[in-house]
Protein backbone atom coordinates (compact mmCIF):
# COMPACT_ATOMS: atom_id res chain seq x y z
CA MET A 1 -200.01 -152.82 -149.79
CA GLN A 2 -203.77 -153.30 -149.89
CA THR A 3 -203.88 -155.25 -146.63
CA TRP A 4 -201.75 -152.60 -144.90
CA GLY A 5 -204.16 -149.87 -146.00
CA VAL A 6 -207.16 -151.77 -144.65
CA ALA A 7 -205.40 -152.31 -141.32
CA ILE A 8 -204.78 -148.60 -140.93
CA THR A 9 -208.41 -147.82 -141.79
CA LYS A 10 -209.76 -150.18 -139.16
CA ASN A 11 -207.48 -148.95 -136.44
CA ALA A 12 -207.51 -145.24 -137.20
CA CYS A 13 -211.14 -144.58 -138.15
CA ALA A 14 -212.95 -143.16 -135.16
CA ASP A 15 -216.22 -141.79 -136.56
CA GLY A 16 -217.68 -145.12 -137.78
CA GLN A 17 -218.15 -143.82 -141.34
CA GLY A 18 -214.77 -144.70 -142.79
CA ASN A 19 -213.26 -141.27 -142.18
CA CYS A 20 -209.76 -141.89 -140.92
CA LEU A 21 -209.36 -138.99 -138.57
CA ASP A 22 -206.04 -140.17 -137.12
CA GLU A 23 -204.36 -141.40 -140.32
CA PRO A 24 -202.38 -138.17 -140.95
CA ARG A 25 -201.12 -138.32 -137.37
CA PHE A 26 -200.14 -141.96 -137.88
CA LEU A 27 -198.34 -141.14 -141.11
CA ARG A 28 -196.52 -138.19 -139.50
CA PHE A 29 -195.41 -140.46 -136.66
CA SER A 30 -194.10 -143.05 -139.16
CA VAL A 31 -192.18 -140.39 -141.10
CA ILE A 32 -190.66 -138.98 -137.90
CA GLU A 33 -189.58 -142.44 -136.73
CA ASN A 34 -188.03 -143.21 -140.12
CA VAL A 35 -186.12 -139.93 -140.07
CA ARG A 36 -184.91 -140.58 -136.52
CA THR A 37 -183.44 -143.94 -137.51
CA PHE A 38 -182.19 -142.90 -140.96
CA VAL A 39 -180.36 -139.69 -140.07
CA PRO A 40 -177.95 -141.24 -137.49
CA LYS A 41 -177.11 -144.07 -139.90
CA LEU A 42 -176.52 -141.59 -142.73
CA MET A 43 -174.28 -139.43 -140.53
CA LYS A 44 -172.27 -142.47 -139.41
CA GLN A 45 -171.80 -143.66 -142.99
CA SER A 46 -170.89 -140.13 -144.12
CA ARG A 47 -168.20 -139.85 -141.44
CA SER A 48 -166.79 -143.25 -142.43
CA ALA A 49 -166.75 -142.32 -146.14
CA LEU A 50 -165.12 -138.95 -145.42
CA LEU A 51 -162.43 -140.56 -143.26
CA GLN A 52 -161.69 -143.14 -145.93
CA LEU A 53 -161.53 -140.42 -148.62
CA ILE A 54 -158.99 -138.48 -146.56
CA ILE A 55 -156.85 -141.62 -146.10
CA TRP A 56 -156.82 -142.45 -149.83
CA ILE A 57 -155.99 -138.85 -150.73
CA GLY A 58 -153.12 -139.05 -148.25
CA ILE A 59 -151.86 -142.27 -149.85
CA TRP A 60 -152.08 -140.67 -153.31
CA SER A 61 -150.17 -137.63 -152.07
CA ILE A 62 -147.38 -139.78 -150.65
CA PHE A 63 -146.85 -141.59 -153.96
CA ALA A 64 -147.31 -138.43 -156.03
CA PHE A 65 -144.73 -136.37 -154.14
CA SER A 66 -142.35 -139.29 -153.55
CA PHE A 67 -142.15 -140.55 -157.14
CA GLY A 68 -143.22 -137.48 -159.08
CA ASN A 69 -140.95 -134.61 -160.14
CA SER A 70 -141.07 -131.40 -162.10
CA GLU A 71 -141.10 -133.35 -165.37
CA SER A 72 -144.08 -135.50 -164.38
CA THR A 73 -146.97 -135.04 -166.74
CA ALA A 74 -150.66 -134.88 -166.01
CA SER A 75 -151.01 -138.46 -167.23
CA PHE A 76 -148.70 -139.59 -164.41
CA TYR A 77 -150.99 -138.09 -161.76
CA LEU A 78 -154.13 -139.36 -163.50
CA THR A 79 -152.64 -142.82 -163.72
CA LEU A 80 -151.80 -142.67 -160.03
CA ILE A 81 -155.40 -141.66 -159.27
CA LEU A 82 -156.64 -144.69 -161.21
CA ARG A 83 -154.29 -146.97 -159.26
CA ILE A 84 -155.59 -145.57 -155.96
CA CYS A 85 -159.19 -146.00 -157.12
CA VAL A 86 -158.54 -149.66 -157.94
CA LEU A 87 -156.97 -150.21 -154.50
CA ALA A 88 -159.89 -148.41 -152.80
CA ALA A 89 -162.38 -150.57 -154.71
CA LEU A 90 -160.52 -153.73 -153.63
CA PHE A 91 -160.45 -152.58 -150.01
CA ASN A 92 -164.18 -151.81 -149.90
CA VAL A 93 -165.14 -155.04 -151.63
CA LEU A 94 -163.14 -156.98 -149.05
CA ALA A 95 -164.10 -154.91 -145.99
CA TYR A 96 -167.79 -154.38 -146.65
CA GLY A 97 -168.67 -157.13 -149.09
CA LEU A 98 -166.70 -160.29 -148.32
CA LEU A 99 -165.36 -160.14 -144.77
CA PRO A 100 -168.86 -159.68 -143.24
CA MET A 101 -169.67 -163.08 -144.76
CA TYR A 102 -166.78 -164.60 -142.84
CA PHE A 103 -167.84 -163.07 -139.51
CA SER A 104 -171.46 -164.11 -140.09
CA GLY A 105 -170.47 -167.76 -140.56
CA LYS A 106 -170.72 -167.98 -144.38
CA LYS A 107 -167.11 -169.08 -144.70
CA GLN A 108 -167.36 -171.26 -147.81
CA ARG A 109 -168.96 -168.45 -149.79
CA PHE A 110 -166.34 -166.08 -148.40
CA TYR A 111 -163.42 -168.26 -149.51
CA LEU A 112 -164.86 -168.77 -153.00
CA LEU A 113 -165.71 -165.12 -153.65
CA THR A 114 -162.43 -163.88 -152.12
CA ALA A 115 -160.45 -166.15 -154.44
CA LEU A 116 -162.41 -164.84 -157.42
CA VAL A 117 -161.89 -161.22 -156.36
CA ILE A 118 -158.15 -161.73 -155.88
CA VAL A 119 -157.78 -163.42 -159.26
CA GLY A 120 -159.86 -160.67 -160.85
CA TYR A 121 -157.74 -157.97 -159.23
CA LEU A 122 -154.51 -159.63 -160.38
CA PHE A 123 -155.85 -159.88 -163.92
CA LEU A 124 -157.02 -156.26 -163.93
CA SER A 125 -153.83 -154.94 -162.36
CA VAL A 126 -151.53 -156.84 -164.74
CA THR A 127 -153.64 -155.81 -167.71
CA LEU A 128 -153.44 -152.16 -166.71
CA GLU A 129 -149.69 -152.44 -166.15
CA LEU A 130 -149.19 -153.93 -169.60
CA THR A 131 -151.41 -151.39 -171.36
CA LEU A 132 -152.36 -148.13 -169.70
CA PHE A 133 -149.58 -147.99 -167.11
CA ARG A 134 -146.66 -149.05 -169.35
CA PRO A 135 -143.67 -146.68 -169.55
CA PRO A 136 -143.83 -143.91 -172.18
CA LYS A 137 -140.73 -145.22 -174.00
CA SER A 138 -142.41 -148.54 -174.79
CA ARG A 139 -145.27 -146.74 -176.50
CA VAL A 140 -143.09 -145.67 -179.45
CA GLU A 141 -141.35 -149.04 -179.81
CA PRO A 142 -142.75 -152.37 -181.01
CA TYR A 143 -144.49 -153.79 -177.98
CA ASP A 144 -146.04 -157.20 -177.31
CA PRO A 145 -147.80 -157.41 -173.88
CA MET A 146 -147.49 -161.18 -173.63
CA VAL A 147 -143.77 -161.09 -174.38
CA GLU A 148 -143.34 -158.35 -171.79
CA LEU A 149 -145.28 -160.41 -169.25
CA ALA A 150 -143.17 -163.50 -169.95
CA LYS A 151 -139.97 -161.52 -169.47
CA ASN A 152 -140.96 -159.59 -166.32
CA TRP A 153 -143.68 -161.69 -164.66
CA LYS A 154 -142.06 -161.26 -161.25
CA TYR A 155 -142.23 -157.48 -161.63
CA PHE A 156 -145.97 -157.68 -162.39
CA LEU A 157 -147.04 -160.34 -159.88
CA ILE A 158 -144.93 -159.96 -156.74
CA PRO A 159 -145.77 -156.28 -156.00
CA ASN A 160 -149.44 -157.01 -156.58
CA VAL A 161 -149.32 -159.99 -154.20
CA PHE A 162 -147.84 -157.80 -151.47
CA THR A 163 -150.43 -155.12 -152.23
CA ILE A 164 -153.26 -157.65 -151.90
CA ALA A 165 -151.82 -158.89 -148.61
CA ALA A 166 -151.59 -155.34 -147.23
CA ILE A 167 -155.12 -154.41 -148.37
CA PHE A 168 -156.59 -157.68 -147.13
CA GLY A 169 -154.80 -157.35 -143.77
CA SER A 170 -156.04 -153.78 -143.29
CA ALA A 171 -159.61 -154.68 -144.21
CA ALA A 172 -159.57 -157.77 -141.98
CA ALA A 173 -158.19 -155.79 -139.02
CA ILE A 174 -160.84 -153.09 -139.42
CA ARG A 175 -163.70 -155.59 -139.76
CA ALA A 176 -162.42 -157.65 -136.83
CA LEU A 177 -162.30 -154.53 -134.67
CA SER A 178 -165.77 -153.55 -135.84
CA ALA A 179 -167.12 -157.03 -135.12
CA TYR A 180 -165.54 -156.96 -131.66
CA GLU A 181 -167.07 -153.58 -130.88
CA SER A 182 -170.48 -154.72 -132.16
CA GLN A 183 -170.31 -157.86 -130.05
CA LYS A 184 -169.24 -155.84 -127.02
CA LYS A 185 -172.12 -153.41 -127.50
CA ALA A 186 -174.55 -156.30 -127.94
CA GLU A 187 -173.30 -157.90 -124.72
CA GLU A 188 -173.57 -154.59 -122.86
CA GLU A 189 -177.10 -154.10 -124.17
CA ALA A 190 -178.03 -157.65 -123.17
CA ASN A 191 -176.56 -157.11 -119.70
CA ARG A 192 -178.40 -153.80 -119.39
CA ARG A 193 -181.71 -155.37 -120.36
CA ARG A 194 -181.11 -158.30 -118.01
CA LEU A 195 -180.28 -155.89 -115.19
CA GLU A 196 -183.40 -153.84 -115.87
CA ALA A 197 -185.47 -157.03 -115.83
CA GLU A 198 -183.92 -158.12 -112.53
CA ILE A 199 -184.54 -154.72 -110.95
CA ALA A 200 -188.13 -154.66 -112.24
CA LEU A 201 -188.62 -158.08 -110.67
CA LEU A 202 -187.18 -156.89 -107.37
CA LYS A 203 -189.49 -153.89 -107.35
CA SER A 204 -192.48 -156.04 -108.24
CA GLN A 205 -191.70 -158.24 -105.24
CA ILE A 206 -191.16 -155.35 -102.82
CA ASN A 207 -194.54 -153.67 -103.27
CA PRO A 208 -196.79 -156.73 -102.74
CA HIS A 209 -194.58 -157.82 -99.84
CA PHE A 210 -194.98 -154.44 -98.16
CA LEU A 211 -198.72 -154.32 -98.88
CA LEU A 212 -199.22 -157.80 -97.42
CA ASN A 213 -197.52 -156.86 -94.16
CA THR A 214 -199.46 -153.59 -93.90
CA ILE A 215 -202.83 -155.26 -94.49
CA ASN A 216 -202.02 -157.82 -91.83
CA ASN A 217 -201.28 -154.96 -89.42
CA LEU A 218 -204.55 -153.23 -90.33
CA TYR A 219 -206.46 -156.44 -89.74
CA ALA A 220 -204.95 -156.76 -86.27
CA LEU A 221 -205.72 -153.07 -85.59
CA ALA A 222 -209.34 -153.50 -86.70
CA LEU A 223 -209.77 -156.35 -84.21
CA THR A 224 -208.19 -154.59 -81.25
CA GLU A 225 -208.90 -150.89 -81.81
CA PRO A 226 -211.55 -150.47 -84.54
CA ASP A 227 -211.93 -146.73 -83.89
CA LYS A 228 -208.39 -146.15 -85.23
CA THR A 229 -208.98 -148.11 -88.43
CA PRO A 230 -210.43 -145.25 -90.57
CA ASP A 231 -207.40 -143.04 -89.93
CA ALA A 232 -205.13 -145.96 -90.72
CA LEU A 233 -206.94 -146.61 -94.01
CA LEU A 234 -206.49 -142.98 -95.06
CA LYS A 235 -202.77 -143.21 -94.40
CA LEU A 236 -202.61 -146.47 -96.31
CA ALA A 237 -204.41 -144.86 -99.27
CA ALA A 238 -201.83 -142.07 -99.38
CA MET A 239 -199.02 -144.60 -99.23
CA MET A 240 -200.54 -146.69 -102.02
CA LYS A 241 -200.80 -143.58 -104.18
CA TYR A 242 -197.05 -143.10 -103.76
CA ILE A 243 -196.40 -146.74 -104.62
CA LEU A 244 -198.61 -146.70 -107.72
CA TYR A 245 -197.68 -143.35 -109.24
CA GLU A 246 -194.12 -142.63 -108.16
CA CYS A 247 -192.34 -145.90 -107.44
CA ALA A 248 -192.26 -146.77 -111.13
CA GLN A 249 -189.66 -144.03 -111.61
CA PRO A 250 -185.96 -144.92 -111.30
CA GLN A 251 -185.43 -142.06 -108.82
CA VAL A 252 -187.81 -140.12 -106.59
CA PRO A 253 -187.20 -136.99 -104.50
CA LEU A 254 -185.94 -137.92 -101.06
CA SER A 255 -188.64 -135.69 -99.55
CA HIS A 256 -191.34 -137.91 -101.08
CA ASP A 257 -189.75 -141.10 -99.81
CA LEU A 258 -189.33 -139.47 -96.40
CA ALA A 259 -193.06 -138.57 -96.34
CA PHE A 260 -193.83 -142.20 -97.13
CA ILE A 261 -191.65 -143.34 -94.22
CA GLU A 262 -193.34 -140.88 -91.85
CA SER A 263 -196.78 -142.16 -92.90
CA TYR A 264 -195.67 -145.72 -92.37
CA ILE A 265 -194.32 -144.98 -88.89
CA SER A 266 -197.55 -143.14 -87.99
CA LEU A 267 -199.52 -146.14 -89.20
CA GLN A 268 -197.48 -148.47 -87.02
CA GLN A 269 -197.86 -146.21 -83.98
CA LEU A 270 -201.62 -146.81 -84.06
CA ARG A 271 -201.15 -150.44 -83.08
CA LEU A 272 -198.17 -150.25 -80.71
CA PRO A 273 -198.81 -151.81 -77.29
CA PRO A 274 -198.02 -149.76 -74.15
CA ASN A 275 -194.78 -151.59 -73.43
CA ILE A 276 -193.18 -150.35 -76.71
CA THR A 277 -191.15 -147.15 -76.79
CA LEU A 278 -190.60 -145.66 -80.23
CA LEU A 279 -187.76 -143.18 -80.71
CA THR A 280 -187.60 -141.41 -84.07
CA GLU A 281 -185.23 -138.82 -85.46
CA LEU A 282 -186.28 -137.66 -88.91
CA PRO A 283 -185.14 -134.51 -90.74
CA GLU A 284 -187.60 -131.64 -91.05
CA SER A 285 -186.25 -130.77 -94.50
CA VAL A 286 -183.92 -132.32 -97.06
CA PRO A 287 -181.90 -130.87 -99.97
CA GLU A 288 -184.01 -130.35 -103.06
CA HIS A 289 -181.52 -132.13 -105.29
CA ALA A 290 -181.48 -135.27 -103.14
CA SER A 291 -183.12 -138.27 -104.79
CA VAL A 292 -183.12 -141.98 -104.02
CA GLU A 293 -184.38 -145.27 -105.32
CA PRO A 294 -188.05 -145.52 -104.28
CA MET A 295 -188.67 -147.58 -101.12
CA ILE A 296 -184.97 -148.32 -100.68
CA LEU A 297 -185.08 -147.43 -96.97
CA ILE A 298 -188.48 -148.64 -95.82
CA THR A 299 -187.55 -152.33 -95.64
CA PHE A 300 -185.16 -151.91 -92.70
CA ILE A 301 -187.75 -149.81 -90.82
CA GLU A 302 -190.49 -152.29 -91.63
CA ASN A 303 -188.40 -155.19 -90.33
CA ALA A 304 -187.90 -153.39 -87.01
CA PHE A 305 -191.67 -153.35 -86.42
CA LYS A 306 -192.23 -156.80 -87.85
CA HIS A 307 -189.51 -158.63 -85.91
CA GLY A 308 -188.80 -156.36 -82.94
CA LEU A 309 -192.18 -156.17 -81.20
CA THR A 310 -193.21 -158.20 -78.18
CA THR A 311 -195.79 -157.82 -75.40
CA ARG A 312 -193.82 -159.86 -72.86
CA GLN A 313 -191.34 -157.16 -71.84
CA PRO A 314 -190.59 -153.48 -72.36
CA CYS A 315 -188.66 -152.79 -75.53
CA THR A 316 -187.47 -149.79 -77.54
CA ILE A 317 -187.33 -149.28 -81.29
CA SER A 318 -185.03 -146.51 -82.48
CA ILE A 319 -185.14 -145.03 -85.98
CA SER A 320 -182.71 -142.28 -86.97
CA LEU A 321 -182.35 -140.71 -90.40
CA VAL A 322 -179.77 -137.94 -90.87
CA VAL A 323 -179.41 -136.18 -94.22
CA LYS A 324 -176.44 -134.08 -95.31
CA GLU A 325 -175.66 -132.42 -98.61
CA ASP A 326 -174.41 -135.50 -100.46
CA ARG A 327 -175.45 -138.44 -98.29
CA LEU A 328 -177.85 -139.88 -95.76
CA MET A 329 -177.29 -142.06 -92.71
CA LEU A 330 -180.02 -144.43 -91.57
CA LYS A 331 -179.76 -146.26 -88.25
CA VAL A 332 -182.46 -148.67 -87.06
CA VAL A 333 -182.19 -150.53 -83.77
CA ASN A 334 -184.73 -152.97 -82.40
CA PRO A 335 -184.66 -155.67 -79.71
CA ILE A 336 -184.82 -159.32 -80.62
CA PRO A 337 -187.51 -161.23 -78.71
CA PRO A 338 -186.23 -164.33 -76.90
CA ALA A 339 -187.90 -166.68 -79.38
CA ARG A 340 -185.89 -165.11 -82.21
CA SER A 341 -182.53 -164.64 -80.52
CA ALA A 342 -180.50 -166.97 -82.73
CA PRO A 343 -177.56 -164.86 -83.92
CA SER A 344 -177.38 -164.12 -87.63
CA LEU A 345 -175.49 -161.51 -89.52
CA GLU A 346 -177.73 -161.72 -92.56
CA PRO A 347 -181.14 -160.10 -92.83
CA SER A 348 -184.00 -162.46 -93.52
CA GLY A 349 -187.07 -162.16 -95.69
CA ILE A 350 -187.74 -161.16 -99.28
CA GLY A 351 -187.71 -157.42 -98.56
CA ALA A 352 -184.27 -157.26 -96.95
CA VAL A 353 -182.64 -159.52 -99.53
CA ASN A 354 -184.10 -157.54 -102.42
CA THR A 355 -183.11 -154.22 -100.85
CA ARG A 356 -179.52 -155.40 -100.52
CA GLN A 357 -179.50 -156.44 -104.19
CA ARG A 358 -180.97 -153.10 -105.24
CA LEU A 359 -178.29 -151.27 -103.26
CA GLU A 360 -175.61 -153.28 -105.06
CA HIS A 361 -177.20 -152.54 -108.44
CA PHE A 362 -177.88 -148.83 -108.03
CA TYR A 363 -175.23 -147.71 -105.55
CA PRO A 364 -172.06 -149.70 -106.28
CA GLY A 365 -169.29 -148.06 -104.26
CA LEU A 366 -171.74 -145.43 -103.02
CA HIS A 367 -173.18 -147.18 -99.99
CA HIS A 368 -172.07 -148.94 -96.84
CA LEU A 369 -174.45 -151.35 -95.15
CA HIS A 370 -173.57 -152.73 -91.73
CA ILE A 371 -175.89 -155.21 -90.01
CA LEU A 372 -175.22 -156.49 -86.49
CA ASN A 373 -177.13 -159.14 -84.60
CA ASP A 374 -175.75 -160.00 -81.16
CA GLY A 375 -178.72 -162.14 -80.18
CA GLN A 376 -180.39 -159.40 -78.16
CA THR A 377 -180.32 -156.35 -80.44
CA TYR A 378 -180.64 -156.04 -84.19
CA ARG A 379 -178.86 -152.99 -85.61
CA VAL A 380 -178.85 -151.72 -89.20
CA GLU A 381 -176.60 -148.85 -90.25
CA LEU A 382 -176.77 -147.63 -93.84
CA GLU A 383 -174.76 -144.77 -95.32
CA LEU A 384 -175.86 -143.80 -98.81
CA ILE A 385 -174.21 -141.27 -101.11
CA PHE A 386 -176.56 -139.53 -103.53
CA HIS A 387 -175.98 -139.80 -107.25
CA THR A 388 -174.60 -136.58 -108.75
């Protein structure tokens, strides 16, 4: 406790004189966090206890109204309550005390303690049957419990054995189901974390890849047309601001991503040679609710400029983006220079591969990507349905 107090003092004191200005805030935060974790657990345990109480009351009611009658005394119902309490205690000891040992791998301890509990239950149950639960008539007659047990041992043991089997089976089924659900949730959480890590890796690869290509383009522009470089740097600064401050979000407004695409196309236009014709069709406005994965579209446009430009012959790059209420359609067409005319139906490069993986992760069943390479023209058609 002393070491913990010193650690708080060192971290929280801000005035250099030992006055812990932030300690109350730290303590409030700790209390809030403890309450946040404690309350859901308490509510879950309360629901479980209430459900179990209702079940045991139902079992008591069945026996009370099935075997009781108008002549049944209060002692009959109290005795029945005691029987139910013993069964409930056995169930909870098995379900929450012993069976978790089995599922956690402590099987030897489970077998030993379960045997002791069963023997103890049999001893307690038989003792109660021979004393407290014995019929009223035997209480006014000479009565020897051991003689009674020797005469009717089957009556005392066999019902209790079946009762133990039923209680143990119910507890084991419930714990097995609980263990299965816990394992399933753990696997889902592990898969979710792994998926988030994969997506974070994909995003971390996309941004440097894009920046590298853009800087290379700016370098070539600075050598050929230095007067256009300042304007290009301003556009790049605006694009980097989008990458740094918005692309960390899982979804961004489509209008922001569209502005990024327009800036990128304008940046590329600064270095296009005269033989290149650029045809663009971009929407003037998009629905306010429309949002997309950041930089999910730029890769296909970037590849058109990266792989579709040549100074040897006239060529045309076409970029069309159509947005409707619930979807967008992107179509990018660029020529393939003769040196790169080997047919391939798969996009190449880190950016295209990562974009395809991100589409599969974030838009399963909500996108259609068609890529065609006939050796002369490279065509990408993407239809994307917005998340609702």
